[in-house]
Amino acid sequence: MLQPKLLKVIPIDNHKLELHYVTGEKKLFDVTPYIAGTWFGELRDPSYFRTVRLLPDGHHIEWPNEQDLAPHELYELSHPIERTTPCP
């Protein structure tokens, strides 16, 4: 299943990401379970964590050293915060 496109990703405290989707959904994703390993270990540094960016395809996010999370994980494992009016 294809997840809706992301409009933006906002890093917030405690290794969480606020995700804004074109559907109007706003969700919260907790990265904490991922940062125990070596590949995601850099994300423990709050300054580095805040460097997350949305890729041009609107489905993927990544950090400067190419750590990324699958779009289906972001969408399916996040929790709704609120819903706004969907974008056209």
C-alpha atoms as a PDB file:
ATOM      1  CA  MET A   1       0.000   0.000   0.000  1.00  0.00           C
ATOM      2  CA  LEU A   2       1.310   3.421  -0.929  1.00  0.00           C
ATOM      3  CA  GLN A   3       1.303   5.886   1.932  1.00  0.00           C
ATOM      4  CA  PRO A   4       0.166   9.476   1.414  1.00  0.00           C
ATOM      5  CA  LYS A   5       2.850  12.018   0.632  1.00  0.00           C
ATOM      6  CA  LEU A   6       4.468  13.960   3.403  1.00  0.00           C
ATOM      7  CA  LEU A   7       4.330  17.738   3.348  1.00  0.00           C
ATOM      8  CA  LYS A   8       6.865  18.193   6.114  1.00  0.00           C
ATOM      9  CA  VAL A   9       8.728  16.516   8.929  1.00  0.00           C
ATOM     10  CA  ILE A  10       9.514  18.341  12.163  1.00  0.00           C
ATOM     11  CA  PRO A  11      11.995  16.881  14.659  1.00  0.00           C
ATOM     12  CA  ILE A  12      10.868  17.396  18.247  1.00  0.00           C
ATOM     13  CA  ASP A  13      12.262  16.480  21.659  1.00  0.00           C
ATOM     14  CA  ASN A  14      12.768  12.918  22.867  1.00  0.00           C
ATOM     15  CA  HIS A  15      13.571  11.525  19.401  1.00  0.00           C
ATOM     16  CA  LYS A  16      10.135  12.088  17.955  1.00  0.00           C
ATOM     17  CA  LEU A  17       9.109  13.305  14.528  1.00  0.00           C
ATOM     18  CA  GLU A  18       5.975  15.271  13.770  1.00  0.00           C
ATOM     19  CA  LEU A  19       4.742  14.204  10.329  1.00  0.00           C
ATOM     20  CA  HIS A  20       2.371  16.289   8.200  1.00  0.00           C
ATOM     21  CA  TYR A  21       0.641  14.464   5.324  1.00  0.00           C
ATOM     22  CA  VAL A  22      -1.235  15.805   2.276  1.00  0.00           C
ATOM     23  CA  THR A  23      -4.348  14.054   3.584  1.00  0.00           C
ATOM     24  CA  GLY A  24      -4.458  16.503   6.474  1.00  0.00           C
ATOM     25  CA  GLU A  25      -3.196  13.895   8.914  1.00  0.00           C
ATOM     26  CA  LYS A  26      -0.655  14.959  11.497  1.00  0.00           C
ATOM     27  CA  LYS A  27       1.141  12.091  13.206  1.00  0.00           C
ATOM     28  CA  LEU A  28       3.844  11.498  15.789  1.00  0.00           C
ATOM     29  CA  PHE A  29       6.579   8.924  15.161  1.00  0.00           C
ATOM     30  CA  ASP A  30       8.912   7.772  17.940  1.00  0.00           C
ATOM     31  CA  VAL A  31      12.421   7.013  16.646  1.00  0.00           C
ATOM     32  CA  THR A  32      13.645   5.774  20.064  1.00  0.00           C
ATOM     33  CA  PRO A  33      13.363   2.026  19.261  1.00  0.00           C
ATOM     34  CA  TYR A  34      15.682   2.514  16.269  1.00  0.00           C
ATOM     35  CA  ILE A  35      18.561   4.361  17.945  1.00  0.00           C
ATOM     36  CA  ALA A  36      19.954   1.417  19.899  1.00  0.00           C
ATOM     37  CA  GLY A  37      21.868   0.035  16.910  1.00  0.00           C
ATOM     38  CA  THR A  38      25.040   1.318  15.324  1.00  0.00           C
ATOM     39  CA  TRP A  39      23.420   2.499  12.065  1.00  0.00           C
ATOM     40  CA  PHE A  40      20.960   4.810  13.831  1.00  0.00           C
ATOM     41  CA  GLY A  41      23.208   5.559  16.836  1.00  0.00           C
ATOM     42  CA  GLU A  42      24.031   9.057  15.582  1.00  0.00           C
ATOM     43  CA  LEU A  43      20.375   9.971  16.040  1.00  0.00           C
ATOM     44  CA  ARG A  44      20.920   9.992  19.821  1.00  0.00           C
ATOM     45  CA  ASP A  45      22.675  13.350  19.360  1.00  0.00           C
ATOM     46  CA  PRO A  46      19.873  15.965  19.477  1.00  0.00           C
ATOM     47  CA  SER A  47      21.717  18.294  17.088  1.00  0.00           C
ATOM     48  CA  TYR A  48      22.138  15.566  14.518  1.00  0.00           C
ATOM     49  CA  PHE A  49      18.571  14.329  15.010  1.00  0.00           C
ATOM     50  CA  ARG A  50      17.278  17.793  14.076  1.00  0.00           C
ATOM     51  CA  THR A  51      18.993  17.585  10.659  1.00  0.00           C
ATOM     52  CA  VAL A  52      16.315  15.233   9.318  1.00  0.00           C
ATOM     53  CA  ARG A  53      14.905  16.276   5.959  1.00  0.00           C
ATOM     54  CA  LEU A  54      12.075  15.338   3.657  1.00  0.00           C
ATOM     55  CA  LEU A  55      13.231  14.016   0.280  1.00  0.00           C
ATOM     56  CA  PRO A  56      11.767  15.483  -2.942  1.00  0.00           C
ATOM     57  CA  ASP A  57       9.607  12.402  -3.615  1.00  0.00           C
ATOM     58  CA  GLY A  58       7.461  13.328  -0.596  1.00  0.00           C
ATOM     59  CA  HIS A  59       7.573   9.810   0.825  1.00  0.00           C
ATOM     60  CA  HIS A  60      11.032   9.443   2.336  1.00  0.00           C
ATOM     61  CA  ILE A  61      12.985  11.209   5.048  1.00  0.00           C
ATOM     62  CA  GLU A  62      16.678  10.956   5.790  1.00  0.00           C
ATOM     63  CA  TRP A  63      19.539  12.328   7.831  1.00  0.00           C
ATOM     64  CA  PRO A  64      22.862  13.570   6.381  1.00  0.00           C
ATOM     65  CA  ASN A  65      24.635  10.208   6.763  1.00  0.00           C
ATOM     66  CA  GLU A  66      21.779   8.502   4.896  1.00  0.00           C
ATOM     67  CA  GLN A  67      19.929   6.971   7.828  1.00  0.00           C
ATOM     68  CA  ASP A  68      16.327   6.670   6.729  1.00  0.00           C
ATOM     69  CA  LEU A  69      13.027   5.089   7.645  1.00  0.00           C
ATOM     70  CA  ALA A  70      10.639   3.333   5.301  1.00  0.00           C
ATOM     71  CA  PRO A  71       7.503   5.312   4.398  1.00  0.00           C
ATOM     72  CA  HIS A  72       5.236   2.471   5.553  1.00  0.00           C
ATOM     73  CA  GLU A  73       6.941   2.403   8.960  1.00  0.00           C
ATOM     74  CA  LEU A  74       6.542   6.149   9.367  1.00  0.00           C
ATOM     75  CA  TYR A  75       2.874   6.014   8.463  1.00  0.00           C
ATOM     76  CA  GLU A  76       1.772   2.752  10.070  1.00  0.00           C
ATOM     77  CA  LEU A  77       3.761   2.999  13.315  1.00  0.00           C
ATOM     78  CA  SER A  78       3.014   6.647  14.073  1.00  0.00           C
ATOM     79  CA  HIS A  79       0.167   7.938  16.195  1.00  0.00           C
ATOM     80  CA  PRO A  80      -2.376  10.534  15.084  1.00  0.00           C
ATOM     81  CA  ILE A  81      -2.060  13.963  16.663  1.00  0.00           C
ATOM     82  CA  GLU A  82      -4.784  15.853  14.818  1.00  0.00           C
ATOM     83  CA  ARG A  83      -6.295  16.198  11.391  1.00  0.00           C
ATOM     84  CA  THR A  84      -6.435  19.342   9.304  1.00  0.00           C
ATOM     85  CA  THR A  85      -8.033  20.055   5.943  1.00  0.00           C
ATOM     86  CA  PRO A  86      -6.389  17.944   3.219  1.00  0.00           C
ATOM     87  CA  CYS A  87      -4.285  19.722   0.623  1.00  0.00           C
ATOM     88  CA  PRO A  88      -5.579  19.665  -2.992  1.00  0.00           C
END
